[in-house]
Amino acid sequence: PPFETGRIVWYLSFYCLYQALTTLFHVPYSTLTMFLSSDQKERDSATAYRMTMEVLGTLIGAALQGQIVASAHTTDHCTLSNETGNLSEDATYIPRSEEH
């Protein structure tokens, strides 16, 4: 948030809101397979398929997000301004030599 005082309350409020909204989605989503079939094996198969697709979607989303962020951090988009020192090519810190 753009303010300093009350930051903990702000984060706590939005964390609770996020958890409540996530619960409103996940409870029906998780119990949906109970209504798909009366056969236990079919419900287990549907749950396994759902969870497999959920994990694959999460992995693909994380990989794509990493690629998008990496493409934004190129020398064309980002400039490094460091008043206390420089970074070498492999991003190790090189202190400036003080001129006397």
PDB file of N, CA and C in Angstrom:
ATOM      1  N   PRO A   1       0.831  -1.202   0.000  1.00  0.00           N
ATOM      2  CA  PRO A   1       0.000   0.000   0.000  1.00  0.00           C
ATOM      3  C   PRO A   1       0.871   1.260   0.000  1.00  0.00           C
ATOM      4  N   PRO A   2       0.324   2.354  -0.463  1.00  0.00           N
ATOM      5  CA  PRO A   2       1.104   3.581  -0.549  1.00  0.00           C
ATOM      6  C   PRO A   2       1.215   4.349   0.772  1.00  0.00           C
ATOM      7  N   PHE A   3       0.824   3.737   1.872  1.00  0.00           N
ATOM      8  CA  PHE A   3       0.886   4.418   3.163  1.00  0.00           C
ATOM      9  C   PHE A   3       1.681   3.561   4.136  1.00  0.00           C
ATOM     10  N   GLU A   4       2.199   4.177   5.189  1.00  0.00           N
ATOM     11  CA  GLU A   4       3.040   3.472   6.160  1.00  0.00           C
ATOM     12  C   GLU A   4       2.256   3.007   7.381  1.00  0.00           C
ATOM     13  N   THR A   5       1.416   3.868   7.936  1.00  0.00           N
ATOM     14  CA  THR A   5       0.689   3.498   9.143  1.00  0.00           C
ATOM     15  C   THR A   5      -0.486   2.603   8.785  1.00  0.00           C
ATOM     16  N   GLY A   6      -0.711   1.597   9.581  1.00  0.00           N
ATOM     17  CA  GLY A   6      -1.812   0.681   9.354  1.00  0.00           C
ATOM     18  C   GLY A   6      -1.550  -0.368   8.287  1.00  0.00           C
ATOM     19  N   ARG A   7      -0.309  -0.528   7.914  1.00  0.00           N
ATOM     20  CA  ARG A   7       0.037  -1.471   6.847  1.00  0.00           C
ATOM     21  C   ARG A   7      -0.275  -2.914   7.252  1.00  0.00           C
ATOM     22  N   ILE A   8      -0.029  -3.264   8.495  1.00  0.00           N
ATOM     23  CA  ILE A   8      -0.289  -4.638   8.958  1.00  0.00           C
ATOM     24  C   ILE A   8      -1.781  -4.929   8.901  1.00  0.00           C
ATOM     25  N   VAL A   9      -2.602  -3.975   9.326  1.00  0.00           N
ATOM     26  CA  VAL A   9      -4.061  -4.160   9.283  1.00  0.00           C
ATOM     27  C   VAL A   9      -4.516  -4.302   7.832  1.00  0.00           C
ATOM     28  N   TRP A  10      -3.944  -3.514   6.943  1.00  0.00           N
ATOM     29  CA  TRP A  10      -4.289  -3.574   5.519  1.00  0.00           C
ATOM     30  C   TRP A  10      -3.968  -4.955   4.946  1.00  0.00           C
ATOM     31  N   TYR A  11      -2.751  -5.442   5.202  1.00  0.00           N
ATOM     32  CA  TYR A  11      -2.372  -6.765   4.709  1.00  0.00           C
ATOM     33  C   TYR A  11      -3.238  -7.867   5.324  1.00  0.00           C
ATOM     34  N   LEU A  12      -3.479  -7.781   6.605  1.00  0.00           N
ATOM     35  CA  LEU A  12      -4.303  -8.782   7.276  1.00  0.00           C
ATOM     36  C   LEU A  12      -5.725  -8.787   6.716  1.00  0.00           C
ATOM     37  N   SER A  13      -6.282  -7.614   6.456  1.00  0.00           N
ATOM     38  CA  SER A  13      -7.638  -7.526   5.897  1.00  0.00           C
ATOM     39  C   SER A  13      -7.713  -8.159   4.516  1.00  0.00           C
ATOM     40  N   PHE A  14      -6.748  -7.834   3.659  1.00  0.00           N
ATOM     41  CA  PHE A  14      -6.780  -8.404   2.321  1.00  0.00           C
ATOM     42  C   PHE A  14      -6.439  -9.889   2.306  1.00  0.00           C
ATOM     43  N   TYR A  15      -5.617 -10.336   3.252  1.00  0.00           N
ATOM     44  CA  TYR A  15      -5.338 -11.765   3.365  1.00  0.00           C
ATOM     45  C   TYR A  15      -6.619 -12.511   3.758  1.00  0.00           C
ATOM     46  N   CYS A  16      -7.351 -11.984   4.727  1.00  0.00           N
ATOM     47  CA  CYS A  16      -8.612 -12.624   5.143  1.00  0.00           C
ATOM     48  C   CYS A  16      -9.636 -12.609   4.005  1.00  0.00           C
ATOM     49  N   LEU A  17      -9.722 -11.517   3.274  1.00  0.00           N
ATOM     50  CA  LEU A  17     -10.633 -11.440   2.134  1.00  0.00           C
ATOM     51  C   LEU A  17     -10.251 -12.464   1.068  1.00  0.00           C
ATOM     52  N   TYR A  18      -8.957 -12.574   0.774  1.00  0.00           N
ATOM     53  CA  TYR A  18      -8.482 -13.551  -0.207  1.00  0.00           C
ATOM     54  C   TYR A  18      -8.825 -14.979   0.225  1.00  0.00           C
ATOM     55  N   GLN A  19      -8.578 -15.304   1.482  1.00  0.00           N
ATOM     56  CA  GLN A  19      -8.872 -16.643   1.981  1.00  0.00           C
ATOM     57  C   GLN A  19     -10.370 -16.943   1.926  1.00  0.00           C
ATOM     58  N   ALA A  20     -11.200 -15.961   2.250  1.00  0.00           N
ATOM     59  CA  ALA A  20     -12.648 -16.169   2.193  1.00  0.00           C
ATOM     60  C   ALA A  20     -13.112 -16.410   0.758  1.00  0.00           C
ATOM     61  N   LEU A  21     -12.613 -15.607  -0.186  1.00  0.00           N
ATOM     62  CA  LEU A  21     -13.003 -15.784  -1.585  1.00  0.00           C
ATOM     63  C   LEU A  21     -12.476 -17.101  -2.155  1.00  0.00           C
ATOM     64  N   THR A  22     -11.278 -17.487  -1.755  1.00  0.00           N
ATOM     65  CA  THR A  22     -10.739 -18.771  -2.194  1.00  0.00           C
ATOM     66  C   THR A  22     -11.582 -19.928  -1.665  1.00  0.00           C
ATOM     67  N   THR A  23     -12.023 -19.832  -0.426  1.00  0.00           N
ATOM     68  CA  THR A  23     -12.878 -20.863   0.164  1.00  0.00           C
ATOM     69  C   THR A  23     -14.215 -20.952  -0.564  1.00  0.00           C
ATOM     70  N   LEU A  24     -14.765 -19.792  -0.935  1.00  0.00           N
ATOM     71  CA  LEU A  24     -16.039 -19.795  -1.667  1.00  0.00           C
ATOM     72  C   LEU A  24     -15.915 -20.499  -3.015  1.00  0.00           C
ATOM     73  N   PHE A  25     -14.734 -20.509  -3.582  1.00  0.00           N
ATOM     74  CA  PHE A  25     -14.518 -21.204  -4.846  1.00  0.00           C
ATOM     75  C   PHE A  25     -14.175 -22.677  -4.627  1.00  0.00           C
ATOM     76  N   HIS A  26     -13.255 -22.956  -3.708  1.00  0.00           N
ATOM     77  CA  HIS A  26     -12.724 -24.316  -3.581  1.00  0.00           C
ATOM     78  C   HIS A  26     -13.685 -25.319  -2.955  1.00  0.00           C
ATOM     79  N   VAL A  27     -14.524 -24.903  -2.047  1.00  0.00           N
ATOM     80  CA  VAL A  27     -15.437 -25.873  -1.425  1.00  0.00           C
ATOM     81  C   VAL A  27     -16.399 -26.461  -2.455  1.00  0.00           C
ATOM     82  N   PRO A  28     -17.101 -25.657  -3.237  1.00  0.00           N
ATOM     83  CA  PRO A  28     -17.962 -26.271  -4.261  1.00  0.00           C
ATOM     84  C   PRO A  28     -17.154 -27.016  -5.333  1.00  0.00           C
ATOM     85  N   TYR A  29     -15.997 -26.471  -5.696  1.00  0.00           N
ATOM     86  CA  TYR A  29     -15.158 -27.100  -6.716  1.00  0.00           C
ATOM     87  C   TYR A  29     -14.689 -28.486  -6.273  1.00  0.00           C
ATOM     88  N   SER A  30     -14.331 -28.612  -5.008  1.00  0.00           N
ATOM     89  CA  SER A  30     -13.840 -29.894  -4.499  1.00  0.00           C
ATOM     90  C   SER A  30     -14.959 -30.910  -4.297  1.00  0.00           C
ATOM     91  N   THR A  31     -16.155 -30.462  -3.971  1.00  0.00           N
ATOM     92  CA  THR A  31     -17.254 -31.395  -3.709  1.00  0.00           C
ATOM     93  C   THR A  31     -18.080 -31.701  -4.951  1.00  0.00           C
ATOM     94  N   LEU A  32     -17.747 -31.090  -6.073  1.00  0.00           N
ATOM     95  CA  LEU A  32     -18.523 -31.274  -7.296  1.00  0.00           C
ATOM     96  C   LEU A  32     -18.527 -32.732  -7.768  1.00  0.00           C
ATOM     97  N   THR A  33     -17.428 -33.436  -7.578  1.00  0.00           N
ATOM     98  CA  THR A  33     -17.356 -34.815  -8.077  1.00  0.00           C
ATOM     99  C   THR A  33     -18.365 -35.731  -7.392  1.00  0.00           C
ATOM    100  N   MET A  34     -18.831 -35.375  -6.215  1.00  0.00           N
ATOM    101  CA  MET A  34     -19.819 -36.191  -5.526  1.00  0.00           C
ATOM    102  C   MET A  34     -21.114 -36.278  -6.336  1.00  0.00           C
ATOM    103  N   PHE A  35     -21.413 -35.244  -7.107  1.00  0.00           N
ATOM    104  CA  PHE A  35     -22.655 -35.206  -7.875  1.00  0.00           C
ATOM    105  C   PHE A  35     -22.503 -35.748  -9.298  1.00  0.00           C
ATOM    106  N   LEU A  36     -21.287 -36.085  -9.709  1.00  0.00           N
ATOM    107  CA  LEU A  36     -21.070 -36.558 -11.070  1.00  0.00           C
ATOM    108  C   LEU A  36     -21.523 -37.996 -11.286  1.00  0.00           C
ATOM    109  N   SER A  37     -21.313 -38.830 -10.274  1.00  0.00           N
ATOM    110  CA  SER A  37     -21.640 -40.241 -10.431  1.00  0.00           C
ATOM    111  C   SER A  37     -21.899 -40.865  -9.068  1.00  0.00           C
ATOM    112  N   SER A  38     -22.653 -41.952  -9.078  1.00  0.00           N
ATOM    113  CA  SER A  38     -22.876 -42.688  -7.827  1.00  0.00           C
ATOM    114  C   SER A  38     -21.826 -43.773  -7.633  1.00  0.00           C
ATOM    115  N   ASP A  39     -21.019 -44.053  -8.671  1.00  0.00           N
ATOM    116  CA  ASP A  39     -19.973 -45.068  -8.594  1.00  0.00           C
ATOM    117  C   ASP A  39     -18.695 -44.455  -8.021  1.00  0.00           C
ATOM    118  N   GLN A  40     -18.175 -45.085  -6.974  1.00  0.00           N
ATOM    119  CA  GLN A  40     -16.981 -44.565  -6.298  1.00  0.00           C
ATOM    120  C   GLN A  40     -15.766 -44.524  -7.221  1.00  0.00           C
ATOM    121  N   LYS A  41     -15.599 -45.534  -8.064  1.00  0.00           N
ATOM    122  CA  LYS A  41     -14.440 -45.572  -8.971  1.00  0.00           C
ATOM    123  C   LYS A  41     -14.490 -44.429  -9.985  1.00  0.00           C
ATOM    124  N   GLU A  42     -15.671 -44.114 -10.481  1.00  0.00           N
ATOM    125  CA  GLU A  42     -15.797 -42.997 -11.419  1.00  0.00           C
ATOM    126  C   GLU A  42     -15.497 -41.664 -10.735  1.00  0.00           C
ATOM    127  N   ARG A  43     -15.946 -41.514  -9.496  1.00  0.00           N
ATOM    128  CA  ARG A  43     -15.652 -40.285  -8.750  1.00  0.00           C
ATOM    129  C   ARG A  43     -14.162 -40.151  -8.482  1.00  0.00           C
ATOM    130  N   ASP A  44     -13.522 -41.269  -8.128  1.00  0.00           N
ATOM    131  CA  ASP A  44     -12.076 -41.245  -7.897  1.00  0.00           C
ATOM    132  C   ASP A  44     -11.315 -40.905  -9.168  1.00  0.00           C
ATOM    133  N   SER A  45     -11.759 -41.462 -10.283  1.00  0.00           N
ATOM    134  CA  SER A  45     -11.118 -41.172 -11.559  1.00  0.00           C
ATOM    135  C   SER A  45     -11.294 -39.700 -11.936  1.00  0.00           C
ATOM    136  N   ALA A  46     -12.483 -39.162 -11.750  1.00  0.00           N
ATOM    137  CA  ALA A  46     -12.737 -37.756 -12.062  1.00  0.00           C
ATOM    138  C   ALA A  46     -11.906 -36.843 -11.163  1.00  0.00           C
ATOM    139  N   THR A  47     -11.782 -37.200  -9.894  1.00  0.00           N
ATOM    140  CA  THR A  47     -10.971 -36.402  -8.976  1.00  0.00           C
ATOM    141  C   THR A  47      -9.504 -36.456  -9.363  1.00  0.00           C
ATOM    142  N   ALA A  48      -9.014 -37.625  -9.723  1.00  0.00           N
ATOM    143  CA  ALA A  48      -7.611 -37.753 -10.143  1.00  0.00           C
ATOM    144  C   ALA A  48      -7.351 -36.938 -11.404  1.00  0.00           C
ATOM    145  N   TYR A  49      -8.256 -36.988 -12.366  1.00  0.00           N
ATOM    146  CA  TYR A  49      -8.107 -36.210 -13.594  1.00  0.00           C
ATOM    147  C   TYR A  49      -8.131 -34.713 -13.275  1.00  0.00           C
ATOM    148  N   ARG A  50      -9.066 -34.298 -12.440  1.00  0.00           N
ATOM    149  CA  ARG A  50      -9.171 -32.878 -12.068  1.00  0.00           C
ATOM    150  C   ARG A  50      -7.901 -32.392 -11.391  1.00  0.00           C
ATOM    151  N   MET A  51      -7.383 -33.166 -10.458  1.00  0.00           N
ATOM    152  CA  MET A  51      -6.183 -32.758  -9.732  1.00  0.00           C
ATOM    153  C   MET A  51      -4.946 -32.771 -10.629  1.00  0.00           C
ATOM    154  N   THR A  52      -4.878 -33.724 -11.566  1.00  0.00           N
ATOM    155  CA  THR A  52      -3.755 -33.754 -12.505  1.00  0.00           C
ATOM    156  C   THR A  52      -3.765 -32.517 -13.388  1.00  0.00           C
ATOM    157  N   MET A  53      -4.930 -32.166 -13.907  1.00  0.00           N
ATOM    158  CA  MET A  53      -5.031 -30.975 -14.751  1.00  0.00           C
ATOM    159  C   MET A  53      -4.750 -29.702 -13.943  1.00  0.00           C
ATOM    160  N   GLU A  54      -5.143 -29.695 -12.682  1.00  0.00           N
ATOM    161  CA  GLU A  54      -4.882 -28.547 -11.829  1.00  0.00           C
ATOM    162  C   GLU A  54      -3.378 -28.351 -11.611  1.00  0.00           C
ATOM    163  N   VAL A  55      -2.669 -29.435 -11.351  1.00  0.00           N
ATOM    164  CA  VAL A  55      -1.212 -29.361 -11.154  1.00  0.00           C
ATOM    165  C   VAL A  55      -0.517 -28.948 -12.448  1.00  0.00           C
ATOM    166  N   LEU A  56      -0.916 -29.535 -13.579  1.00  0.00           N
ATOM    167  CA  LEU A  56      -0.318 -29.159 -14.854  1.00  0.00           C
ATOM    168  C   LEU A  56      -0.578 -27.685 -15.177  1.00  0.00           C
ATOM    169  N   GLY A  57      -1.781 -27.229 -14.933  1.00  0.00           N
ATOM    170  CA  GLY A  57      -2.103 -25.825 -15.163  1.00  0.00           C
ATOM    171  C   GLY A  57      -1.272 -24.896 -14.289  1.00  0.00           C
ATOM    172  N   THR A  58      -1.062 -25.286 -13.039  1.00  0.00           N
ATOM    173  CA  THR A  58      -0.243 -24.487 -12.137  1.00  0.00           C
ATOM    174  C   THR A  58       1.202 -24.430 -12.617  1.00  0.00           C
ATOM    175  N   LEU A  59       1.748 -25.573 -13.035  1.00  0.00           N
ATOM    176  CA  LEU A  59       3.128 -25.610 -13.523  1.00  0.00           C
ATOM    177  C   LEU A  59       3.296 -24.800 -14.803  1.00  0.00           C
ATOM    178  N   ILE A  60       2.361 -24.938 -15.720  1.00  0.00           N
ATOM    179  CA  ILE A  60       2.438 -24.178 -16.978  1.00  0.00           C
ATOM    180  C   ILE A  60       2.305 -22.679 -16.690  1.00  0.00           C
ATOM    181  N   GLY A  61       1.385 -22.321 -15.816  1.00  0.00           N
ATOM    182  CA  GLY A  61       1.216 -20.912 -15.453  1.00  0.00           C
ATOM    183  C   GLY A  61       2.456 -20.326 -14.802  1.00  0.00           C
ATOM    184  N   ALA A  62       3.090 -21.089 -13.920  1.00  0.00           N
ATOM    185  CA  ALA A  62       4.316 -20.609 -13.276  1.00  0.00           C
ATOM    186  C   ALA A  62       5.440 -20.456 -14.288  1.00  0.00           C
ATOM    187  N   ALA A  63       5.558 -21.407 -15.220  1.00  0.00           N
ATOM    188  CA  ALA A  63       6.606 -21.331 -16.238  1.00  0.00           C
ATOM    189  C   ALA A  63       6.377 -20.139 -17.165  1.00  0.00           C
ATOM    190  N   LEU A  64       5.144 -19.928 -17.582  1.00  0.00           N
ATOM    191  CA  LEU A  64       4.854 -18.793 -18.459  1.00  0.00           C
ATOM    192  C   LEU A  64       5.080 -17.462 -17.746  1.00  0.00           C
ATOM    193  N   GLN A  65       4.686 -17.393 -16.496  1.00  0.00           N
ATOM    194  CA  GLN A  65       4.891 -16.171 -15.737  1.00  0.00           C
ATOM    195  C   GLN A  65       6.378 -15.887 -15.608  1.00  0.00           C
ATOM    196  N   GLY A  66       7.185 -16.911 -15.384  1.00  0.00           N
ATOM    197  CA  GLY A  66       8.628 -16.732 -15.299  1.00  0.00           C
ATOM    198  C   GLY A  66       9.213 -16.234 -16.607  1.00  0.00           C
ATOM    199  N   GLN A  67       8.723 -16.744 -17.726  1.00  0.00           N
ATOM    200  CA  GLN A  67       9.208 -16.295 -19.028  1.00  0.00           C
ATOM    201  C   GLN A  67       8.813 -14.849 -19.303  1.00  0.00           C
ATOM    202  N   ILE A  68       7.605 -14.476 -18.912  1.00  0.00           N
ATOM    203  CA  ILE A  68       7.148 -13.099 -19.125  1.00  0.00           C
ATOM    204  C   ILE A  68       7.989 -12.133 -18.294  1.00  0.00           C
ATOM    205  N   VAL A  69       8.228 -12.480 -17.037  1.00  0.00           N
ATOM    206  CA  VAL A  69       9.039 -11.621 -16.179  1.00  0.00           C
ATOM    207  C   VAL A  69      10.472 -11.559 -16.689  1.00  0.00           C
ATOM    208  N   ALA A  70      11.017 -12.691 -17.114  1.00  0.00           N
ATOM    209  CA  ALA A  70      12.386 -12.708 -17.623  1.00  0.00           C
ATOM    210  C   ALA A  70      12.516 -11.862 -18.888  1.00  0.00           C
ATOM    211  N   SER A  71      11.513 -11.877 -19.738  1.00  0.00           N
ATOM    212  CA  SER A  71      11.595 -11.081 -20.963  1.00  0.00           C
ATOM    213  C   SER A  71      11.502  -9.595 -20.670  1.00  0.00           C
ATOM    214  N   ALA A  72      10.889  -9.215 -19.573  1.00  0.00           N
ATOM    215  CA  ALA A  72      10.788  -7.807 -19.213  1.00  0.00           C
ATOM    216  C   ALA A  72      12.086  -7.293 -18.597  1.00  0.00           C
ATOM    217  N   HIS A  73      12.915  -8.188 -18.079  1.00  0.00           N
ATOM    218  CA  HIS A  73      14.162  -7.793 -17.440  1.00  0.00           C
ATOM    219  C   HIS A  73      15.339  -7.943 -18.388  1.00  0.00           C
ATOM    220  N   THR A  74      15.247  -7.317 -19.518  1.00  0.00           N
ATOM    221  CA  THR A  74      16.358  -7.288 -20.455  1.00  0.00           C
ATOM    222  C   THR A  74      16.994  -5.914 -20.414  1.00  0.00           C
ATOM    223  N   THR A  75      18.138  -5.788 -20.995  1.00  0.00           N
ATOM    224  CA  THR A  75      18.826  -4.499 -20.955  1.00  0.00           C
ATOM    225  C   THR A  75      18.073  -3.440 -21.734  1.00  0.00           C
ATOM    226  N   ASP A  76      17.203  -3.843 -22.657  1.00  0.00           N
ATOM    227  CA  ASP A  76      16.414  -2.864 -23.392  1.00  0.00           C
ATOM    228  C   ASP A  76      15.359  -2.204 -22.509  1.00  0.00           C
ATOM    229  N   HIS A  77      14.852  -2.948 -21.523  1.00  0.00           N
ATOM    230  CA  HIS A  77      13.781  -2.444 -20.686  1.00  0.00           C
ATOM    231  C   HIS A  77      14.255  -1.889 -19.351  1.00  0.00           C
ATOM    232  N   CYS A  78      15.326  -2.451 -18.807  1.00  0.00           N
ATOM    233  CA  CYS A  78      15.775  -2.079 -17.473  1.00  0.00           C
ATOM    234  C   CYS A  78      17.137  -1.413 -17.540  1.00  0.00           C
ATOM    235  N   THR A  79      17.285  -0.349 -16.786  1.00  0.00           N
ATOM    236  CA  THR A  79      18.587   0.274 -16.642  1.00  0.00           C
ATOM    237  C   THR A  79      18.987   0.163 -15.194  1.00  0.00           C
ATOM    238  N   LEU A  80      20.247  -0.069 -14.958  1.00  0.00           N
ATOM    239  CA  LEU A  80      20.750  -0.252 -13.607  1.00  0.00           C
ATOM    240  C   LEU A  80      21.397   1.042 -13.159  1.00  0.00           C
ATOM    241  N   SER A  81      20.884   1.604 -12.113  1.00  0.00           N
ATOM    242  CA  SER A  81      21.458   2.810 -11.539  1.00  0.00           C
ATOM    243  C   SER A  81      21.870   2.477 -10.125  1.00  0.00           C
ATOM    244  N   ASN A  82      23.170   2.422  -9.898  1.00  0.00           N
ATOM    245  CA  ASN A  82      23.684   2.043  -8.588  1.00  0.00           C
ATOM    246  C   ASN A  82      24.692   3.102  -8.173  1.00  0.00           C
ATOM    247  N   GLU A  83      24.353   3.868  -7.167  1.00  0.00           N
ATOM    248  CA  GLU A  83      25.194   4.980  -6.750  1.00  0.00           C
ATOM    249  C   GLU A  83      26.394   4.519  -5.927  1.00  0.00           C
ATOM    250  N   THR A  84      26.328   3.354  -5.310  1.00  0.00           N
ATOM    251  CA  THR A  84      27.407   2.931  -4.426  1.00  0.00           C
ATOM    252  C   THR A  84      28.376   1.981  -5.089  1.00  0.00           C
ATOM    253  N   GLY A  85      28.073   1.457  -6.227  1.00  0.00           N
ATOM    254  CA  GLY A  85      28.976   0.532  -6.884  1.00  0.00           C
ATOM    255  C   GLY A  85      28.403   0.076  -8.195  1.00  0.00           C
ATOM    256  N   ASN A  86      29.062  -0.854  -8.817  1.00  0.00           N
ATOM    257  CA  ASN A  86      28.613  -1.387 -10.095  1.00  0.00           C
ATOM    258  C   ASN A  86      28.420  -2.883  -9.976  1.00  0.00           C
ATOM    259  N   LEU A  87      27.684  -3.434 -10.888  1.00  0.00           N
ATOM    260  CA  LEU A  87      27.527  -4.875 -10.961  1.00  0.00           C
ATOM    261  C   LEU A  87      28.286  -5.366 -12.177  1.00  0.00           C
ATOM    262  N   SER A  88      29.001  -6.466 -12.005  1.00  0.00           N
ATOM    263  CA  SER A  88      29.723  -7.029 -13.137  1.00  0.00           C
ATOM    264  C   SER A  88      28.745  -7.817 -13.997  1.00  0.00           C
ATOM    265  N   GLU A  89      29.248  -8.412 -15.065  1.00  0.00           N
ATOM    266  CA  GLU A  89      28.401  -9.159 -15.987  1.00  0.00           C
ATOM    267  C   GLU A  89      27.660 -10.303 -15.298  1.00  0.00           C
ATOM    268  N   ASP A  90      28.293 -10.937 -14.312  1.00  0.00           N
ATOM    269  CA  ASP A  90      27.631 -12.058 -13.632  1.00  0.00           C
ATOM    270  C   ASP A  90      26.928 -11.589 -12.355  1.00  0.00           C
ATOM    271  N   ALA A  91      26.653 -10.295 -12.254  1.00  0.00           N
ATOM    272  CA  ALA A  91      25.869  -9.685 -11.177  1.00  0.00           C
ATOM    273  C   ALA A  91      26.553  -9.752  -9.823  1.00  0.00           C
ATOM    274  N   THR A  92      27.884  -9.789  -9.799  1.00  0.00           N
ATOM    275  CA  THR A  92      28.582  -9.688  -8.525  1.00  0.00           C
ATOM    276  C   THR A  92      28.906  -8.225  -8.273  1.00  0.00           C
ATOM    277  N   TYR A  93      28.921  -7.868  -7.036  1.00  0.00           N
ATOM    278  CA  TYR A  93      29.108  -6.470  -6.660  1.00  0.00           C
ATOM    279  C   TYR A  93      30.587  -6.101  -6.766  1.00  0.00           C
ATOM    280  N   ILE A  94      30.855  -4.985  -7.431  1.00  0.00           N
ATOM    281  CA  ILE A  94      32.208  -4.455  -7.538  1.00  0.00           C
ATOM    282  C   ILE A  94      32.175  -3.057  -6.935  1.00  0.00           C
ATOM    283  N   PRO A  95      32.816  -2.854  -5.790  1.00  0.00           N
ATOM    284  CA  PRO A  95      32.776  -1.524  -5.169  1.00  0.00           C
ATOM    285  C   PRO A  95      33.550  -0.505  -6.010  1.00  0.00           C
ATOM    286  N   ARG A  96      33.083   0.722  -5.947  1.00  0.00           N
ATOM    287  CA  ARG A  96      33.771   1.794  -6.671  1.00  0.00           C
ATOM    288  C   ARG A  96      35.067   2.133  -5.953  1.00  0.00           C
ATOM    289  N   SER A  97      36.057   2.463  -6.729  1.00  0.00           N
ATOM    290  CA  SER A  97      37.299   2.917  -6.114  1.00  0.00           C
ATOM    291  C   SER A  97      37.142   4.391  -5.783  1.00  0.00           C
ATOM    292  N   GLU A  98      37.492   4.746  -4.596  1.00  0.00           N
ATOM    293  CA  GLU A  98      37.341   6.125  -4.170  1.00  0.00           C
ATOM    294  C   GLU A  98      38.509   6.947  -4.690  1.00  0.00           C
ATOM    295  N   GLU A  99      38.161   8.082  -5.242  1.00  0.00           N
ATOM    296  CA  GLU A  99      39.176   8.961  -5.775  1.00  0.00           C
ATOM    297  C   GLU A  99      39.583   9.946  -4.677  1.00  0.00           C
ATOM    298  N   HIS A 100      40.893  10.104  -4.473  1.00  0.00           N
ATOM    299  CA  HIS A 100      41.401  11.011  -3.431  1.00  0.00           C
ATOM    300  C   HIS A 100      42.006  12.225  -4.045  1.00  0.00           C
TER     301      HIS A 100
END
